[in-house]
C-alpha atoms as a PDB file:
ATOM      1  CA  MET A   1      27.410   4.521   0.766  1.00  0.00           C
ATOM      2  CA  ALA A   2      24.542   4.442   3.244  1.00  0.00           C
ATOM      3  CA  GLN A   3      20.974   4.052   2.098  1.00  0.00           C
ATOM      4  CA  ALA A   4      18.627   7.040   2.139  1.00  0.00           C
ATOM      5  CA  ALA A   5      16.657   5.473   5.016  1.00  0.00           C
ATOM      6  CA  PHE A   6      19.830   5.321   7.119  1.00  0.00           C
ATOM      7  CA  GLU A   7      20.788   8.879   6.159  1.00  0.00           C
ATOM      8  CA  ALA A   8      17.401   9.995   7.468  1.00  0.00           C
ATOM      9  CA  VAL A   9      18.240   8.415  10.831  1.00  0.00           C
ATOM     10  CA  VAL A  10      21.605  10.213  10.873  1.00  0.00           C
ATOM     11  CA  GLU A  11      19.816  13.502  10.241  1.00  0.00           C
ATOM     12  CA  ASP A  12      17.252  12.803  12.968  1.00  0.00           C
ATOM     13  CA  PHE A  13      20.035  11.954  15.438  1.00  0.00           C
ATOM     14  CA  GLU A  14      21.659  15.328  14.765  1.00  0.00           C
ATOM     15  CA  PHE A  15      18.548  17.065  16.105  1.00  0.00           C
ATOM     16  CA  LEU A  16      18.438  14.966  19.278  1.00  0.00           C
ATOM     17  CA  GLU A  17      20.967  16.264  21.771  1.00  0.00           C
ATOM     18  CA  ASP A  18      20.204  13.900  24.631  1.00  0.00           C
ATOM     19  CA  TRP A  19      21.193  10.240  24.441  1.00  0.00           C
ATOM     20  CA  GLU A  20      18.013   9.238  26.239  1.00  0.00           C
ATOM     21  CA  ASP A  21      16.062  10.724  23.323  1.00  0.00           C
ATOM     22  CA  ARG A  22      18.274   8.878  20.849  1.00  0.00           C
ATOM     23  CA  TYR A  23      17.775   5.574  22.682  1.00  0.00           C
ATOM     24  CA  ARG A  24      14.050   6.233  22.725  1.00  0.00           C
ATOM     25  CA  MET A  25      14.125   6.834  18.959  1.00  0.00           C
ATOM     26  CA  VAL A  26      16.008   3.570  18.344  1.00  0.00           C
ATOM     27  CA  ILE A  27      13.560   1.665  20.543  1.00  0.00           C
ATOM     28  CA  GLU A  28      10.592   3.221  18.719  1.00  0.00           C
ATOM     29  CA  MET A  29      12.123   2.204  15.373  1.00  0.00           C
ATOM     30  CA  GLY A  30      12.309  -1.363  16.661  1.00  0.00           C
ATOM     31  CA  LYS A  31       8.725  -1.310  17.901  1.00  0.00           C
ATOM     32  CA  ALA A  32       7.573  -0.104  14.473  1.00  0.00           C
ATOM     33  CA  MET A  33       9.096  -3.118  12.689  1.00  0.00           C
ATOM     34  CA  GLU A  34       6.884  -5.951  11.548  1.00  0.00           C
ATOM     35  CA  PRO A  35       7.276  -8.865  13.966  1.00  0.00           C
ATOM     36  CA  LEU A  36       9.119 -11.896  12.677  1.00  0.00           C
ATOM     37  CA  PRO A  37       6.698 -14.839  12.386  1.00  0.00           C
ATOM     38  CA  GLU A  38       7.183 -17.436  15.112  1.00  0.00           C
ATOM     39  CA  ALA A  39       7.830 -20.085  12.431  1.00  0.00           C
ATOM     40  CA  LEU A  40      11.035 -18.192  11.489  1.00  0.00           C
ATOM     41  CA  LYS A  41      12.373 -18.075  15.051  1.00  0.00           C
ATOM     42  CA  VAL A  42      14.353 -21.262  14.637  1.00  0.00           C
ATOM     43  CA  PRO A  43      17.981 -22.250  15.304  1.00  0.00           C
ATOM     44  CA  ALA A  44      18.923 -21.551  11.671  1.00  0.00           C
ATOM     45  CA  THR A  45      17.917 -17.878  11.986  1.00  0.00           C
ATOM     46  CA  LYS A  46      19.173 -17.339  15.538  1.00  0.00           C
ATOM     47  CA  VAL A  47      22.267 -15.162  15.852  1.00  0.00           C
ATOM     48  CA  GLU A  48      24.848 -16.540  18.238  1.00  0.00           C
ATOM     49  CA  GLY A  49      26.989 -14.125  20.220  1.00  0.00           C
ATOM     50  CA  CYS A  50      24.141 -11.894  21.369  1.00  0.00           C
ATOM     51  CA  ALA A  51      23.229 -11.534  25.027  1.00  0.00           C
ATOM     52  CA  SER A  52      19.541 -11.400  24.112  1.00  0.00           C
ATOM     53  CA  GLN A  53      17.563 -13.592  21.739  1.00  0.00           C
ATOM     54  CA  VAL A  54      18.080 -12.429  18.123  1.00  0.00           C
ATOM     55  CA  TRP A  55      16.791 -13.892  14.883  1.00  0.00           C
ATOM     56  CA  LEU A  56      17.601 -12.627  11.392  1.00  0.00           C
ATOM     57  CA  HIS A  57      15.833 -14.032   8.342  1.00  0.00           C
ATOM     58  CA  MET A  58      17.445 -13.175   5.012  1.00  0.00           C
ATOM     59  CA  THR A  59      15.382 -13.132   1.825  1.00  0.00           C
ATOM     60  CA  PRO A  60      17.519 -12.172  -1.176  1.00  0.00           C
ATOM     61  CA  GLU A  61      15.370 -11.409  -4.179  1.00  0.00           C
ATOM     62  CA  ALA A  62      16.276 -10.416  -7.735  1.00  0.00           C
ATOM     63  CA  GLY A  63      19.877  -9.742  -6.717  1.00  0.00           C
ATOM     64  CA  LEU A  64      18.875  -7.506  -3.822  1.00  0.00           C
ATOM     65  CA  PHE A  65      19.428  -8.146  -0.144  1.00  0.00           C
ATOM     66  CA  HIS A  66      16.396  -8.165   2.144  1.00  0.00           C
ATOM     67  CA  PHE A  67      16.050  -9.260   5.724  1.00  0.00           C
ATOM     68  CA  HIS A  68      13.751  -9.136   8.710  1.00  0.00           C
ATOM     69  CA  GLY A  69      14.657  -9.571  12.329  1.00  0.00           C
ATOM     70  CA  GLU A  70      13.386  -9.829  15.857  1.00  0.00           C
ATOM     71  CA  SER A  71      14.745  -9.686  19.367  1.00  0.00           C
ATOM     72  CA  ASP A  72      13.320 -10.098  22.838  1.00  0.00           C
ATOM     73  CA  ALA A  73      15.161  -6.914  23.927  1.00  0.00           C
ATOM     74  CA  LEU A  74      13.713  -3.562  22.852  1.00  0.00           C
ATOM     75  CA  ILE A  75      17.045  -1.812  22.284  1.00  0.00           C
ATOM     76  CA  VAL A  76      18.324  -4.774  20.242  1.00  0.00           C
ATOM     77  CA  LYS A  77      15.178  -4.764  18.137  1.00  0.00           C
ATOM     78  CA  GLY A  78      15.963  -1.088  17.514  1.00  0.00           C
ATOM     79  CA  LEU A  79      19.506  -1.993  16.471  1.00  0.00           C
ATOM     80  CA  ILE A  80      18.015  -4.489  14.025  1.00  0.00           C
ATOM     81  CA  ALA A  81      15.869  -1.647  12.657  1.00  0.00           C
ATOM     82  CA  LEU A  82      19.021   0.448  12.162  1.00  0.00           C
ATOM     83  CA  LEU A  83      20.731  -2.419  10.336  1.00  0.00           C
ATOM     84  CA  HIS A  84      17.613  -2.853   8.232  1.00  0.00           C
ATOM     85  CA  ARG A  85      17.841   0.780   7.152  1.00  0.00           C
ATOM     86  CA  LEU A  86      21.534   0.336   6.410  1.00  0.00           C
ATOM     87  CA  TYR A  87      21.399  -2.900   4.385  1.00  0.00           C
ATOM     88  CA  ASP A  88      17.894  -3.751   3.190  1.00  0.00           C
ATOM     89  CA  GLY A  89      17.458  -3.311  -0.548  1.00  0.00           C
ATOM     90  CA  LEU A  90      21.145  -3.153  -1.425  1.00  0.00           C
ATOM     91  CA  PRO A  91      22.492  -5.273  -4.272  1.00  0.00           C
ATOM     92  CA  LEU A  92      23.889  -8.468  -2.749  1.00  0.00           C
ATOM     93  CA  ALA A  93      27.406  -7.690  -3.958  1.00  0.00           C
ATOM     94  CA  GLU A  94      27.400  -4.318  -2.151  1.00  0.00           C
ATOM     95  CA  VAL A  95      26.436  -5.622   1.295  1.00  0.00           C
ATOM     96  CA  PRO A  96      29.941  -6.818   2.285  1.00  0.00           C
ATOM     97  CA  ALA A  97      31.411  -3.474   1.184  1.00  0.00           C
ATOM     98  CA  VAL A  98      29.323  -1.470   3.662  1.00  0.00           C
ATOM     99  CA  ASP A  99      31.475  -0.322   6.574  1.00  0.00           C
ATOM    100  CA  ALA A 100      28.767  -0.793   9.172  1.00  0.00           C
ATOM    101  CA  ARG A 101      31.079   0.163  12.028  1.00  0.00           C
ATOM    102  CA  ALA A 102      31.823   3.528  10.415  1.00  0.00           C
ATOM    103  CA  GLU A 103      28.199   4.144   9.431  1.00  0.00           C
ATOM    104  CA  LEU A 104      26.900   3.316  12.908  1.00  0.00           C
ATOM    105  CA  GLY A 105      29.767   5.351  14.351  1.00  0.00           C
ATOM    106  CA  ARG A 106      28.185   8.393  12.726  1.00  0.00           C
ATOM    107  CA  LEU A 107      25.370   7.906  15.234  1.00  0.00           C
ATOM    108  CA  GLY A 108      27.805   7.705  18.153  1.00  0.00           C
ATOM    109  CA  LEU A 109      26.606   4.242  19.070  1.00  0.00           C
ATOM    110  CA  HIS A 110      30.033   2.870  19.940  1.00  0.00           C
ATOM    111  CA  ASP A 111      30.289   5.229  22.886  1.00  0.00           C
ATOM    112  CA  HIS A 112      26.839   4.408  24.238  1.00  0.00           C
ATOM    113  CA  LEU A 113      26.419   0.641  23.897  1.00  0.00           C
ATOM    114  CA  SER A 114      27.555  -1.819  26.527  1.00  0.00           C
ATOM    115  CA  ALA A 115      30.272  -4.297  25.598  1.00  0.00           C
ATOM    116  CA  GLN A 116      27.649  -7.055  25.377  1.00  0.00           C
ATOM    117  CA  ARG A 117      25.440  -5.009  23.050  1.00  0.00           C
ATOM    118  CA  SER A 118      28.455  -4.077  20.907  1.00  0.00           C
ATOM    119  CA  ASN A 119      29.417  -7.745  20.613  1.00  0.00           C
ATOM    120  CA  GLY A 120      25.860  -8.655  19.670  1.00  0.00           C
ATOM    121  CA  LEU A 121      25.736  -5.887  17.075  1.00  0.00           C
ATOM    122  CA  ARG A 122      29.007  -7.141  15.614  1.00  0.00           C
ATOM    123  CA  ALA A 123      27.566 -10.696  15.464  1.00  0.00           C
ATOM    124  CA  MET A 124      24.487  -9.438  13.615  1.00  0.00           C
ATOM    125  CA  ILE A 125      26.634  -7.541  11.095  1.00  0.00           C
ATOM    126  CA  GLU A 126      28.839 -10.584  10.513  1.00  0.00           C
ATOM    127  CA  ARG A 127      25.759 -12.742   9.950  1.00  0.00           C
ATOM    128  CA  ILE A 128      24.297 -10.236   7.466  1.00  0.00           C
ATOM    129  CA  ARG A 129      27.559 -10.046   5.536  1.00  0.00           C
ATOM    130  CA  ALA A 130      28.006 -13.828   5.462  1.00  0.00           C
ATOM    131  CA  GLU A 131      24.436 -14.431   4.291  1.00  0.00           C
ATOM    132  CA  ALA A 132      24.765 -11.825   1.539  1.00  0.00           C
ATOM    133  CA  GLN A 133      28.061 -13.313   0.335  1.00  0.00           C
ATOM    134  CA  ALA A 134      26.564 -16.809   0.316  1.00  0.00           C
ATOM    135  CA  ALA A 135      23.567 -15.627  -1.702  1.00  0.00           C
ATOM    136  CA  ALA A 136      25.588 -13.582  -4.222  1.00  0.00           C
END
């Protein structure tokens, strides 16, 4: 069910044996994202439940789900980039059906994220799902 962009990440992860290299890849993905405009870093886009500052701005268009995000933590910005590859461009009705935990589990993230980061990731996923359902 994962998007082609996410499948590419899964394939890249298979070639990286060391978790430091995988973290570096996730961080680089986050750095490559377009920054979220300051005007969109408002309470309405802020994700509660994250240890770091996180903003997600959803922009559904023509029945498809799109979003952009930003964080003040490099690894979290990378996690946003992963979620972007997993969800962006899906039909709105399909977003809630994505088993993000299972998809991200394919990367082995659950074993390598702190409890705080895992909770923040879960909060971001819940926000994405709720926004998609509201827009559908």
